[in-house]
Amino acid sequence: MAAQDIIVRPIITEKSMTGIGMKKYTFEVAKNATKVDVARAVEELFGVKVAKVNTMNVRGHFRRQGRSEGYTSAWKKAIVTLTEDSKTIEFFEGMM
């Protein structure tokens, strides 16, 4: 699987932005991606060194719109911690 297929999108929330100072970045990743796959993809795409990866499965939430009701799709989230000597990811720097 290519690195572009593993990393789906960055997660830009207030809680995820607080981790940038500690070099922790949050991404939505492919459901079948492992921690090793995520680490390799981040290193390849952004040119950084990954110290560790924490992953979690986020289940779909119940939503209503008028009479229609259903669940949002489930997805996988990865929190990537970079090494101390690694450079930062420039994409997130403009968000702070």
N, C-alpha and C. Protein backbone atom coordinates (compact mmCIF):
# COMPACT_ATOMS: atom_id res chain seq x y z
N MET A 1 0.85 -1.18 0.00
CA MET A 1 0.00 0.00 0.00
C MET A 1 0.90 1.24 0.00
N ALA A 2 0.55 2.23 -0.80
CA ALA A 2 1.33 3.46 -0.91
C ALA A 2 1.09 4.36 0.30
N ALA A 3 2.03 5.23 0.56
CA ALA A 3 1.95 6.13 1.72
C ALA A 3 0.74 7.05 1.61
N GLN A 4 0.39 7.46 0.39
CA GLN A 4 -0.77 8.33 0.21
C GLN A 4 -2.07 7.60 0.51
N ASP A 5 -2.09 6.28 0.38
CA ASP A 5 -3.29 5.50 0.69
C ASP A 5 -3.43 5.25 2.18
N ILE A 6 -2.33 5.26 2.91
CA ILE A 6 -2.37 4.98 4.35
C ILE A 6 -2.83 6.22 5.12
N ILE A 7 -2.22 7.38 4.84
CA ILE A 7 -2.61 8.62 5.52
C ILE A 7 -3.78 9.23 4.75
N VAL A 8 -4.97 9.23 5.36
CA VAL A 8 -6.16 9.75 4.69
C VAL A 8 -6.22 11.27 4.80
N ARG A 9 -6.12 11.80 6.05
CA ARG A 9 -6.17 13.25 6.24
C ARG A 9 -5.65 13.58 7.63
N PRO A 10 -5.18 14.81 7.84
CA PRO A 10 -4.82 15.23 9.19
C PRO A 10 -6.07 15.59 9.99
N ILE A 11 -6.01 15.43 11.30
CA ILE A 11 -7.12 15.79 12.18
C ILE A 11 -6.78 17.14 12.79
N ILE A 12 -7.60 18.15 12.48
CA ILE A 12 -7.37 19.51 12.95
C ILE A 12 -8.46 19.85 13.97
N THR A 13 -8.20 19.57 15.24
CA THR A 13 -9.12 19.93 16.31
C THR A 13 -8.33 20.66 17.39
N GLU A 14 -9.05 21.26 18.31
CA GLU A 14 -8.39 21.98 19.39
C GLU A 14 -7.53 21.04 20.23
N LYS A 15 -8.05 19.86 20.51
CA LYS A 15 -7.31 18.90 21.33
C LYS A 15 -6.06 18.38 20.60
N SER A 16 -6.18 18.12 19.29
CA SER A 16 -5.02 17.62 18.56
C SER A 16 -3.96 18.70 18.37
N MET A 17 -4.36 19.96 18.34
CA MET A 17 -3.40 21.05 18.18
C MET A 17 -2.57 21.26 19.45
N THR A 18 -3.06 20.87 20.61
CA THR A 18 -2.28 21.03 21.84
C THR A 18 -1.07 20.10 21.86
N GLY A 19 -1.11 19.00 21.12
CA GLY A 19 -0.01 18.05 21.10
C GLY A 19 1.14 18.46 20.20
N ILE A 20 0.97 19.49 19.38
CA ILE A 20 2.02 19.87 18.44
C ILE A 20 3.28 20.32 19.16
N GLY A 21 3.13 20.98 20.32
CA GLY A 21 4.30 21.41 21.08
C GLY A 21 5.14 20.24 21.57
N MET A 22 4.51 19.08 21.76
CA MET A 22 5.21 17.87 22.18
C MET A 22 5.54 16.97 21.00
N LYS A 23 5.40 17.50 19.78
CA LYS A 23 5.65 16.78 18.53
C LYS A 23 4.75 15.56 18.38
N LYS A 24 3.46 15.74 18.73
CA LYS A 24 2.46 14.70 18.52
C LYS A 24 1.47 15.21 17.47
N TYR A 25 1.29 14.43 16.42
CA TYR A 25 0.43 14.80 15.31
C TYR A 25 -0.63 13.72 15.11
N THR A 26 -1.84 14.14 14.77
CA THR A 26 -2.97 13.24 14.66
C THR A 26 -3.42 13.14 13.21
N PHE A 27 -3.65 11.90 12.75
CA PHE A 27 -4.07 11.65 11.37
C PHE A 27 -5.20 10.64 11.35
N GLU A 28 -6.06 10.74 10.35
CA GLU A 28 -6.97 9.65 10.03
C GLU A 28 -6.23 8.74 9.07
N VAL A 29 -6.24 7.44 9.35
CA VAL A 29 -5.49 6.49 8.54
C VAL A 29 -6.43 5.41 8.01
N ALA A 30 -5.92 4.61 7.10
CA ALA A 30 -6.70 3.51 6.53
C ALA A 30 -7.02 2.49 7.62
N LYS A 31 -8.20 1.88 7.52
CA LYS A 31 -8.66 0.96 8.57
C LYS A 31 -7.76 -0.26 8.72
N ASN A 32 -7.14 -0.70 7.63
CA ASN A 32 -6.31 -1.90 7.71
C ASN A 32 -4.83 -1.60 7.88
N ALA A 33 -4.47 -0.35 8.15
CA ALA A 33 -3.07 0.04 8.33
C ALA A 33 -2.59 -0.32 9.74
N THR A 34 -1.38 -0.83 9.83
CA THR A 34 -0.78 -1.15 11.13
C THR A 34 0.05 0.03 11.61
N LYS A 35 0.55 -0.06 12.84
CA LYS A 35 1.39 1.01 13.38
C LYS A 35 2.67 1.17 12.56
N VAL A 36 3.23 0.06 12.12
CA VAL A 36 4.46 0.11 11.31
C VAL A 36 4.18 0.77 9.97
N ASP A 37 3.03 0.46 9.36
CA ASP A 37 2.66 1.09 8.10
C ASP A 37 2.50 2.60 8.26
N VAL A 38 1.86 3.02 9.34
CA VAL A 38 1.65 4.45 9.59
C VAL A 38 2.98 5.16 9.80
N ALA A 39 3.88 4.56 10.57
CA ALA A 39 5.19 5.16 10.83
C ALA A 39 5.98 5.34 9.53
N ARG A 40 5.99 4.31 8.69
CA ARG A 40 6.72 4.40 7.42
C ARG A 40 6.11 5.45 6.51
N ALA A 41 4.77 5.54 6.48
CA ALA A 41 4.10 6.50 5.61
C ALA A 41 4.39 7.94 6.04
N VAL A 42 4.37 8.21 7.35
CA VAL A 42 4.65 9.57 7.84
C VAL A 42 6.10 9.93 7.56
N GLU A 43 7.01 9.00 7.77
CA GLU A 43 8.43 9.27 7.49
C GLU A 43 8.65 9.55 6.01
N GLU A 44 7.95 8.81 5.14
CA GLU A 44 8.13 9.00 3.70
C GLU A 44 7.49 10.30 3.21
N LEU A 45 6.30 10.61 3.69
CA LEU A 45 5.59 11.79 3.20
C LEU A 45 6.16 13.10 3.71
N PHE A 46 6.55 13.13 4.99
CA PHE A 46 6.95 14.39 5.60
C PHE A 46 8.45 14.49 5.89
N GLY A 47 9.22 13.43 5.71
CA GLY A 47 10.66 13.46 5.93
C GLY A 47 11.05 13.67 7.38
N VAL A 48 10.37 13.01 8.30
CA VAL A 48 10.64 13.13 9.74
C VAL A 48 10.96 11.75 10.31
N LYS A 49 11.39 11.73 11.58
CA LYS A 49 11.67 10.47 12.27
C LYS A 49 10.57 10.22 13.30
N VAL A 50 9.97 9.05 13.24
CA VAL A 50 8.85 8.71 14.12
C VAL A 50 9.37 7.91 15.31
N ALA A 51 9.00 8.34 16.53
CA ALA A 51 9.37 7.61 17.74
C ALA A 51 8.36 6.53 18.05
N LYS A 52 7.06 6.87 18.05
CA LYS A 52 6.03 5.86 18.31
C LYS A 52 4.72 6.28 17.68
N VAL A 53 3.84 5.30 17.55
CA VAL A 53 2.52 5.51 16.95
C VAL A 53 1.48 4.86 17.86
N ASN A 54 0.45 5.61 18.21
CA ASN A 54 -0.70 5.08 18.93
C ASN A 54 -1.88 5.11 17.99
N THR A 55 -2.60 3.98 17.88
CA THR A 55 -3.76 3.92 17.00
C THR A 55 -5.00 3.58 17.80
N MET A 56 -6.14 4.02 17.29
CA MET A 56 -7.43 3.68 17.91
C MET A 56 -8.51 3.66 16.84
N ASN A 57 -9.47 2.79 17.04
CA ASN A 57 -10.62 2.72 16.15
C ASN A 57 -11.73 3.59 16.71
N VAL A 58 -12.22 4.52 15.90
CA VAL A 58 -13.29 5.43 16.30
C VAL A 58 -14.58 4.89 15.71
N ARG A 59 -15.54 4.56 16.56
CA ARG A 59 -16.79 4.01 16.04
C ARG A 59 -17.69 5.12 15.54
N GLY A 60 -18.61 4.78 14.67
CA GLY A 60 -19.53 5.75 14.10
C GLY A 60 -20.51 6.27 15.14
N HIS A 61 -20.88 7.54 15.04
CA HIS A 61 -21.81 8.15 15.98
C HIS A 61 -23.22 8.19 15.38
N PHE A 62 -24.21 8.11 16.24
CA PHE A 62 -25.60 8.18 15.82
C PHE A 62 -25.96 9.62 15.47
N ARG A 63 -26.54 9.84 14.31
CA ARG A 63 -26.90 11.18 13.85
C ARG A 63 -28.32 11.15 13.30
N ARG A 64 -29.01 12.28 13.46
CA ARG A 64 -30.35 12.43 12.91
C ARG A 64 -30.39 13.68 12.06
N GLN A 65 -31.19 13.64 11.01
CA GLN A 65 -31.46 14.81 10.20
C GLN A 65 -32.93 14.72 9.78
N GLY A 66 -33.77 15.45 10.50
CA GLY A 66 -35.20 15.34 10.27
C GLY A 66 -35.70 13.98 10.71
N ARG A 67 -36.39 13.29 9.81
CA ARG A 67 -36.88 11.95 10.14
C ARG A 67 -35.83 10.88 9.89
N SER A 68 -34.80 11.21 9.13
CA SER A 68 -33.77 10.23 8.80
C SER A 68 -32.80 10.09 9.96
N GLU A 69 -32.38 8.87 10.21
CA GLU A 69 -31.40 8.63 11.25
C GLU A 69 -30.46 7.53 10.80
N GLY A 70 -29.26 7.57 11.33
CA GLY A 70 -28.27 6.57 10.96
C GLY A 70 -26.98 6.82 11.70
N TYR A 71 -25.96 6.12 11.30
CA TYR A 71 -24.65 6.21 11.93
C TYR A 71 -23.63 6.75 10.94
N THR A 72 -22.71 7.57 11.44
CA THR A 72 -21.59 7.99 10.62
C THR A 72 -20.65 6.80 10.48
N SER A 73 -19.77 6.84 9.51
CA SER A 73 -18.89 5.71 9.28
C SER A 73 -17.79 5.66 10.34
N ALA A 74 -17.37 4.45 10.68
CA ALA A 74 -16.27 4.25 11.63
C ALA A 74 -14.95 4.50 10.90
N TRP A 75 -13.92 4.92 11.64
CA TRP A 75 -12.63 5.21 11.05
C TRP A 75 -11.52 4.95 12.06
N LYS A 76 -10.29 5.02 11.61
CA LYS A 76 -9.13 4.74 12.46
C LYS A 76 -8.30 6.00 12.61
N LYS A 77 -7.88 6.27 13.84
CA LYS A 77 -7.10 7.46 14.14
C LYS A 77 -5.71 7.04 14.63
N ALA A 78 -4.69 7.78 14.22
CA ALA A 78 -3.32 7.51 14.65
C ALA A 78 -2.71 8.78 15.21
N ILE A 79 -2.10 8.67 16.40
CA ILE A 79 -1.36 9.77 17.01
C ILE A 79 0.11 9.43 16.88
N VAL A 80 0.83 10.23 16.10
CA VAL A 80 2.23 9.96 15.77
C VAL A 80 3.11 10.88 16.60
N THR A 81 4.04 10.30 17.35
CA THR A 81 5.01 11.06 18.14
C THR A 81 6.35 11.02 17.43
N LEU A 82 6.94 12.20 17.22
CA LEU A 82 8.24 12.29 16.55
C LEU A 82 9.36 12.25 17.58
N THR A 83 10.57 11.93 17.12
CA THR A 83 11.73 11.93 18.00
C THR A 83 12.12 13.36 18.34
N GLU A 84 12.90 13.53 19.39
CA GLU A 84 13.32 14.87 19.84
C GLU A 84 14.17 15.59 18.80
N ASP A 85 15.03 14.85 18.09
CA ASP A 85 15.92 15.49 17.12
C ASP A 85 15.28 15.64 15.74
N SER A 86 14.04 15.19 15.57
CA SER A 86 13.36 15.28 14.30
C SER A 86 12.83 16.70 14.07
N LYS A 87 12.74 17.07 12.79
CA LYS A 87 12.14 18.37 12.47
C LYS A 87 10.62 18.26 12.60
N THR A 88 9.93 19.39 12.64
CA THR A 88 8.48 19.39 12.75
C THR A 88 7.85 19.24 11.37
N ILE A 89 6.55 18.99 11.35
CA ILE A 89 5.81 18.89 10.10
C ILE A 89 5.29 20.29 9.77
N GLU A 90 5.71 20.84 8.63
CA GLU A 90 5.42 22.22 8.28
C GLU A 90 3.93 22.47 8.08
N PHE A 91 3.18 21.46 7.66
CA PHE A 91 1.75 21.62 7.40
C PHE A 91 1.01 22.12 8.63
N PHE A 92 1.39 21.62 9.82
CA PHE A 92 0.70 21.97 11.04
C PHE A 92 1.15 23.30 11.63
N GLU A 93 2.29 23.82 11.21
CA GLU A 93 2.84 25.03 11.80
C GLU A 93 1.97 26.26 11.54
N GLY A 94 1.33 26.34 10.39
CA GLY A 94 0.48 27.48 10.08
C GLY A 94 -0.86 27.44 10.81
N MET A 95 -1.20 26.32 11.43
CA MET A 95 -2.49 26.16 12.09
C MET A 95 -2.51 26.73 13.50
N MET A 96 -1.36 26.87 14.13
CA MET A 96 -1.31 27.26 15.53
C MET A 96 -1.64 28.70 15.73
